[in-house]
């Protein structure tokens, strides 16, 4: 493995037998394979442990960490806790890059090679990813993530930058907070929609094992926790009314925010971060996300 191309994958998972072989096979087929892949089995009760054991026997760079069964699937803080079980099992500074990778993805063959090349060419990039697509009626449909962050299911980080922002917050909304923290440091968080970086998300964004609407409500609460203003969230929701499930999916997101506000739930306890976020979001409504993001890269704050 060439100098500067050692990357670490950490994959929290629970009961992913239906999807995980596709992810495992497409990672094994990468043009540059991981130096280490730590897969954290978070108490699976299906065939996941047997599948992982089979792949680990055949590939000595796959390492399995097993956590006890908590009796239910945990999202948000539970996923991040499982991630850190893998993170703590290795020495991250032995690697140039790390990636929190979900096990419900189908990746293109040069995915990690291209991401590492982009980050090597631009030291200001802290985290990046490709774009997620879902299969609907035989066609690939873009999940419509913004360009100003890496995607939560495949967050590829420069190790030094990941440690520089203090890692992931252990709460719903962690995969939005990290990108804004990068901007506060004058670093780039980005995702690209290009053929060689498009991957298939086998479980749709915002879905939940309890149903799509439960997932969208959780997504809205994550925005509340992060500090997103309701006016900004409402504008974002309206722009996505044409995204399945039509209208009701985005109303569920808004309800998640309102549910948290009505109960005065705690928000991310970093007032400086929340001030930065509100200013960035309002600036984005005025001049667009692209320009607001560029302003952050020049000064560490929106204009």
Protein backbone atom coordinates (compact mmCIF):
# COMPACT_ATOMS: atom_id res chain seq x y z
CA UNK A 1 0.00 0.00 0.00
CA UNK A 2 1.54 3.32 -1.10
CA UNK A 3 2.50 5.92 1.54
CA UNK A 4 -0.47 8.17 2.35
CA UNK A 5 -3.00 5.56 1.21
CA UNK A 6 -3.55 3.61 4.42
CA UNK A 7 -7.23 3.86 5.26
CA UNK A 8 -9.25 2.38 8.09
CA UNK A 9 -12.91 1.38 7.77
CA UNK A 10 -15.13 1.10 10.85
CA UNK A 11 -18.59 -0.39 10.33
CA UNK A 12 -21.16 -0.55 13.13
CA UNK A 13 -23.87 -3.08 12.29
CA UNK A 14 -26.81 -4.95 13.76
CA UNK A 15 -28.88 -7.55 11.91
CA UNK A 16 -27.61 -6.61 8.46
CA UNK A 17 -27.69 -10.11 6.94
CA UNK A 18 -30.05 -8.94 4.19
CA UNK A 19 -27.63 -6.32 2.83
CA UNK A 20 -24.12 -6.82 4.13
CA UNK A 21 -22.74 -9.28 1.57
CA UNK A 22 -23.05 -6.64 -1.16
CA UNK A 23 -21.07 -4.16 0.93
CA UNK A 24 -18.47 -6.75 1.93
CA UNK A 25 -17.98 -7.88 -1.66
CA UNK A 26 -17.71 -4.36 -3.09
CA UNK A 27 -15.16 -3.34 -0.45
CA UNK A 28 -13.09 -6.46 -1.14
CA UNK A 29 -13.20 -5.55 -4.85
CA UNK A 30 -11.89 -1.99 -4.30
CA UNK A 31 -8.96 -0.90 -6.46
CA UNK A 32 -7.15 0.00 -3.22
CA UNK A 33 -8.32 -2.16 -0.34
CA UNK A 34 -8.45 -1.00 3.29
CA UNK A 35 -5.41 -1.47 5.49
CA UNK A 36 -7.87 -2.55 8.20
CA UNK A 37 -11.63 -3.00 8.37
CA UNK A 38 -13.09 -3.16 11.86
CA UNK A 39 -16.69 -4.37 11.81
CA UNK A 40 -18.58 -3.94 15.06
CA UNK A 41 -21.39 -6.46 15.53
CA UNK A 42 -23.73 -4.57 17.84
CA UNK A 43 -25.60 -7.56 19.26
CA UNK A 44 -26.97 -9.10 16.06
CA UNK A 45 -29.51 -11.90 16.38
CA UNK A 46 -29.75 -12.90 12.70
CA UNK A 47 -27.09 -14.49 10.44
CA UNK A 48 -24.79 -11.45 10.69
CA UNK A 49 -22.23 -13.07 13.08
CA UNK A 50 -21.86 -16.15 10.85
CA UNK A 51 -21.43 -14.05 7.71
CA UNK A 52 -18.82 -11.84 9.41
CA UNK A 53 -16.90 -14.87 10.72
CA UNK A 54 -16.78 -16.34 7.21
CA UNK A 55 -15.39 -13.15 5.65
CA UNK A 56 -12.90 -12.59 8.49
CA UNK A 57 -11.51 -16.12 8.02
CA UNK A 58 -10.85 -15.39 4.36
CA UNK A 59 -9.44 -11.84 4.77
CA UNK A 60 -6.96 -11.19 7.56
CA UNK A 61 -7.45 -7.41 7.33
CA UNK A 62 -11.07 -7.75 8.50
CA UNK A 63 -11.39 -7.56 12.28
CA UNK A 64 -14.62 -8.30 14.14
CA UNK A 65 -15.55 -6.60 17.42
CA UNK A 66 -18.61 -8.03 19.17
CA UNK A 67 -20.87 -6.12 21.54
CA UNK A 68 -23.57 -7.69 23.72
CA UNK A 69 -27.20 -7.62 22.62
CA UNK A 70 -29.00 -4.63 24.17
CA UNK A 71 -32.31 -6.09 23.03
CA UNK A 72 -33.16 -3.47 20.40
CA UNK A 73 -31.71 -1.60 17.46
CA UNK A 74 -30.21 1.76 18.51
CA UNK A 75 -29.77 4.68 16.13
CA UNK A 76 -28.00 8.01 16.58
CA UNK A 77 -26.02 7.68 19.79
CA UNK A 78 -26.19 3.87 19.61
CA UNK A 79 -24.55 3.79 16.19
CA UNK A 80 -21.82 6.21 17.30
CA UNK A 81 -21.20 4.17 20.46
CA UNK A 82 -20.74 1.08 18.30
CA UNK A 83 -18.43 3.03 15.99
CA UNK A 84 -16.25 3.98 18.94
CA UNK A 85 -16.03 0.35 20.03
CA UNK A 86 -14.24 -0.21 16.74
CA UNK A 87 -12.26 3.03 16.95
CA UNK A 88 -10.95 2.09 20.39
CA UNK A 89 -9.88 -1.36 19.17
CA UNK A 90 -7.14 0.07 16.93
CA UNK A 91 -4.64 2.92 16.88
CA UNK A 92 -6.23 5.43 14.45
CA UNK A 93 -2.99 7.40 13.99
CA UNK A 94 -1.51 4.34 12.26
CA UNK A 95 -3.70 5.31 9.30
CA UNK A 96 -3.97 8.33 7.00
CA UNK A 97 -7.75 8.18 6.60
CA UNK A 98 -10.72 6.60 8.32
CA UNK A 99 -14.27 5.97 7.23
CA UNK A 100 -17.44 5.21 9.14
CA UNK A 101 -19.06 2.86 6.64
CA UNK A 102 -22.55 1.36 6.83
CA UNK A 103 -23.14 -2.23 5.72
CA UNK A 104 -26.11 -1.52 3.44
CA UNK A 105 -24.22 -0.03 0.49
CA UNK A 106 -23.03 -1.12 -2.96
CA UNK A 107 -19.84 0.79 -3.77
CA UNK A 108 -18.17 1.47 -7.14
CA UNK A 109 -14.77 -0.19 -7.59
CA UNK A 110 -12.56 2.93 -7.38
CA UNK A 111 -14.54 4.64 -4.63
CA UNK A 112 -11.85 4.93 -1.95
CA UNK A 113 -9.03 5.39 -4.47
CA UNK A 114 -10.72 8.51 -5.84
CA UNK A 115 -11.55 9.95 -2.42
CA UNK A 116 -7.95 9.57 -1.26
CA UNK A 117 -6.65 11.17 -4.46
CA UNK A 118 -8.96 14.19 -4.00
CA UNK A 119 -7.89 14.65 -0.38
CA UNK A 120 -4.21 14.27 -1.21
CA UNK A 121 -4.55 16.92 -3.91
CA UNK A 122 -6.37 19.34 -1.57
CA UNK A 123 -5.17 19.30 2.08
CA UNK A 124 -8.11 21.56 3.05
CA UNK A 125 -10.58 18.70 2.55
CA UNK A 126 -11.35 17.19 5.97
CA UNK A 127 -14.14 14.80 4.98
CA UNK A 128 -15.74 13.73 1.72
CA UNK A 129 -17.92 11.14 0.04
CA UNK A 130 -19.76 10.30 -3.12
CA UNK A 131 -23.53 10.47 -3.52
CA UNK A 132 -26.20 7.95 -2.53
CA UNK A 133 -28.72 6.53 -4.99
CA UNK A 134 -31.61 4.14 -4.36
CA UNK A 135 -33.11 1.64 -6.77
CA UNK A 136 -36.73 2.42 -7.62
CA UNK A 137 -38.64 0.54 -10.33
CA UNK A 138 -35.44 -0.51 -12.05
CA UNK A 139 -33.86 2.96 -12.03
CA UNK A 140 -31.32 4.69 -9.80
CA UNK A 141 -32.73 7.76 -8.05
CA UNK A 142 -30.59 10.37 -6.30
CA UNK A 143 -31.32 10.70 -2.57
CA UNK A 144 -30.65 14.45 -2.91
CA UNK A 145 -28.07 15.11 -0.26
CA UNK A 146 -26.44 18.54 -0.18
CA UNK A 147 -22.89 19.04 -1.42
CA UNK A 148 -21.69 20.71 1.80
CA UNK A 149 -21.02 17.56 3.83
CA UNK A 150 -19.97 13.96 3.49
CA UNK A 151 -22.83 11.46 3.75
CA UNK A 152 -23.52 9.78 7.07
CA UNK A 153 -23.40 6.24 5.69
CA UNK A 154 -19.87 6.72 4.29
CA UNK A 155 -17.99 9.48 6.11
CA UNK A 156 -14.42 9.41 4.82
CA UNK A 157 -12.12 11.52 7.02
CA UNK A 158 -8.53 12.63 7.22
CA UNK A 159 -7.59 11.15 10.61
CA UNK A 160 -6.00 14.39 11.84
CA UNK A 161 -9.17 16.38 10.99
CA UNK A 162 -11.46 13.82 12.61
CA UNK A 163 -9.47 14.18 15.81
CA UNK A 164 -9.34 17.96 15.33
CA UNK A 165 -13.14 18.32 15.52
CA UNK A 166 -13.33 15.97 18.51
CA UNK A 167 -14.87 13.12 16.53
CA UNK A 168 -18.58 12.36 16.35
CA UNK A 169 -21.15 13.61 18.85
CA UNK A 170 -23.05 10.74 20.46
CA UNK A 171 -26.53 11.96 19.62
CA UNK A 172 -29.00 12.07 16.73
CA UNK A 173 -27.68 14.73 14.36
CA UNK A 174 -24.04 13.66 14.69
CA UNK A 175 -23.70 13.38 10.91
CA UNK A 176 -24.64 17.04 10.43
CA UNK A 177 -22.76 18.51 13.37
CA UNK A 178 -19.42 17.14 12.18
CA UNK A 179 -19.56 18.92 8.81
CA UNK A 180 -20.34 22.28 10.40
CA UNK A 181 -17.48 21.77 12.85
CA UNK A 182 -15.19 21.26 9.88
CA UNK A 183 -16.35 24.58 8.42
CA UNK A 184 -15.76 26.30 11.76
CA UNK A 185 -12.14 25.19 11.42
CA UNK A 186 -11.90 26.47 7.85
CA UNK A 187 -11.89 22.93 6.42
CA UNK A 188 -13.89 21.49 3.54
CA UNK A 189 -16.69 18.97 4.04
CA UNK A 190 -18.01 17.87 0.65
CA UNK A 191 -19.70 15.19 -1.44
CA UNK A 192 -19.52 14.76 -5.20
CA UNK A 193 -22.14 13.48 -7.63
CA UNK A 194 -20.01 11.75 -10.27
CA UNK A 195 -20.47 8.34 -11.95
CA UNK A 196 -17.42 6.75 -10.29
CA UNK A 197 -18.51 8.00 -6.85
CA UNK A 198 -22.19 7.09 -6.96
CA UNK A 199 -23.12 4.24 -4.65
CA UNK A 200 -26.37 2.40 -4.09
CA UNK A 201 -28.00 2.80 -0.68
CA UNK A 202 -29.87 -0.45 -0.11
CA UNK A 203 -31.87 1.09 2.76
CA UNK A 204 -33.32 4.53 1.84
CA UNK A 205 -32.11 7.66 3.64
CA UNK A 206 -34.21 8.57 6.65
CA UNK A 207 -35.68 5.10 6.86
CA UNK A 208 -36.02 3.15 10.09
CA UNK A 209 -36.51 -0.48 11.05
CA UNK A 210 -39.84 0.82 12.44
CA UNK A 211 -40.84 2.49 9.16
CA UNK A 212 -39.99 5.43 6.90
CA UNK A 213 -42.03 7.97 8.89
CA UNK A 214 -40.36 7.04 12.17
CA UNK A 215 -37.04 7.62 10.45
CA UNK A 216 -38.12 11.02 9.18
CA UNK A 217 -39.39 12.10 12.61
CA UNK A 218 -36.02 11.09 14.04
CA UNK A 219 -34.32 13.10 11.30
CA UNK A 220 -36.32 16.18 12.29
CA UNK A 221 -35.46 15.75 15.95
CA UNK A 222 -31.80 15.49 14.96
CA UNK A 223 -32.09 18.88 13.28
CA UNK A 224 -33.67 20.30 16.43
CA UNK A 225 -30.90 18.87 18.61
CA UNK A 226 -28.20 20.23 16.31
CA UNK A 227 -29.65 23.75 16.59
CA UNK A 228 -31.29 24.21 13.19
CA UNK A 229 -33.85 27.03 13.09
CA UNK A 230 -37.43 26.10 12.25
CA UNK A 231 -37.69 28.63 9.42
CA UNK A 232 -34.65 27.13 7.70
CA UNK A 233 -35.92 23.58 8.22
CA UNK A 234 -39.35 24.50 6.84
CA UNK A 235 -37.76 26.00 3.71
CA UNK A 236 -35.71 22.84 3.27
CA UNK A 237 -38.78 20.64 3.75
CA UNK A 238 -40.82 22.53 1.16
CA UNK A 239 -38.02 22.08 -1.37
CA UNK A 240 -38.27 18.30 -0.82
CA UNK A 241 -42.03 17.86 -1.04
CA UNK A 242 -41.53 16.12 -4.39
CA UNK A 243 -39.32 13.48 -2.75
CA UNK A 244 -40.89 10.16 -1.71
CA UNK A 245 -42.85 9.74 0.47
CA UNK A 246 -44.37 12.86 -1.05
CA UNK A 247 -45.24 15.73 1.32
CA UNK A 248 -45.92 13.48 4.32
CA UNK A 249 -42.28 12.50 4.62
CA UNK A 250 -41.21 16.13 5.04
CA UNK A 251 -44.12 16.89 7.35
CA UNK A 252 -42.80 14.07 9.54
CA UNK A 253 -39.39 15.80 9.58
CA UNK A 254 -41.03 19.05 10.71
CA UNK A 255 -43.01 17.17 13.35
CA UNK A 256 -39.78 15.72 14.74
CA UNK A 257 -38.40 19.25 15.21
CA UNK A 258 -41.65 20.51 16.76
CA UNK A 259 -41.85 17.50 19.08
CA UNK A 260 -38.40 18.30 20.46
CA UNK A 261 -39.19 22.01 20.83
CA UNK A 262 -42.57 21.45 22.50
CA UNK A 263 -40.94 19.27 25.13
CA UNK A 264 -37.98 21.63 25.57
CA UNK A 265 -35.60 18.77 24.84
CA UNK A 266 -31.88 19.54 25.33
CA UNK A 267 -29.95 20.85 22.34
CA UNK A 268 -26.30 20.40 21.45
CA UNK A 269 -24.49 22.08 24.33
CA UNK A 270 -22.14 24.33 22.38
CA UNK A 271 -23.55 27.88 22.07
CA UNK A 272 -20.74 28.98 19.75
CA UNK A 273 -21.53 26.12 17.39
CA UNK A 274 -25.27 26.90 17.41
CA UNK A 275 -24.62 30.58 16.66
CA UNK A 276 -22.37 29.58 13.78
CA UNK A 277 -25.01 27.16 12.48
CA UNK A 278 -27.86 29.67 12.55
CA UNK A 279 -25.76 32.30 10.81
CA UNK A 280 -24.65 29.81 8.16
CA UNK A 281 -28.21 28.64 7.55
CA UNK A 282 -29.65 32.13 7.26
CA UNK A 283 -26.80 33.14 4.96
CA UNK A 284 -27.56 30.05 2.84
CA UNK A 285 -31.17 31.18 2.44
CA UNK A 286 -29.98 34.57 1.21
CA UNK A 287 -27.05 33.69 -1.08
CA UNK A 288 -27.29 29.91 -1.44
CA UNK A 289 -25.38 27.12 0.27
CA UNK A 290 -22.49 27.16 -2.18
CA UNK A 291 -21.59 30.79 -1.55
CA UNK A 292 -22.21 30.54 2.22
CA UNK A 293 -19.90 27.53 2.34
CA UNK A 294 -17.19 29.31 0.36
CA UNK A 295 -17.34 32.21 2.81
CA UNK A 296 -16.69 29.80 5.67
CA UNK A 297 -13.63 28.40 3.94
CA UNK A 298 -12.14 31.87 3.65
CA UNK A 299 -12.77 32.98 7.21
CA UNK A 300 -14.13 30.05 9.27
CA UNK A 301 -17.53 31.80 9.41
CA UNK A 302 -20.27 32.93 7.03
CA UNK A 303 -20.30 36.61 6.02
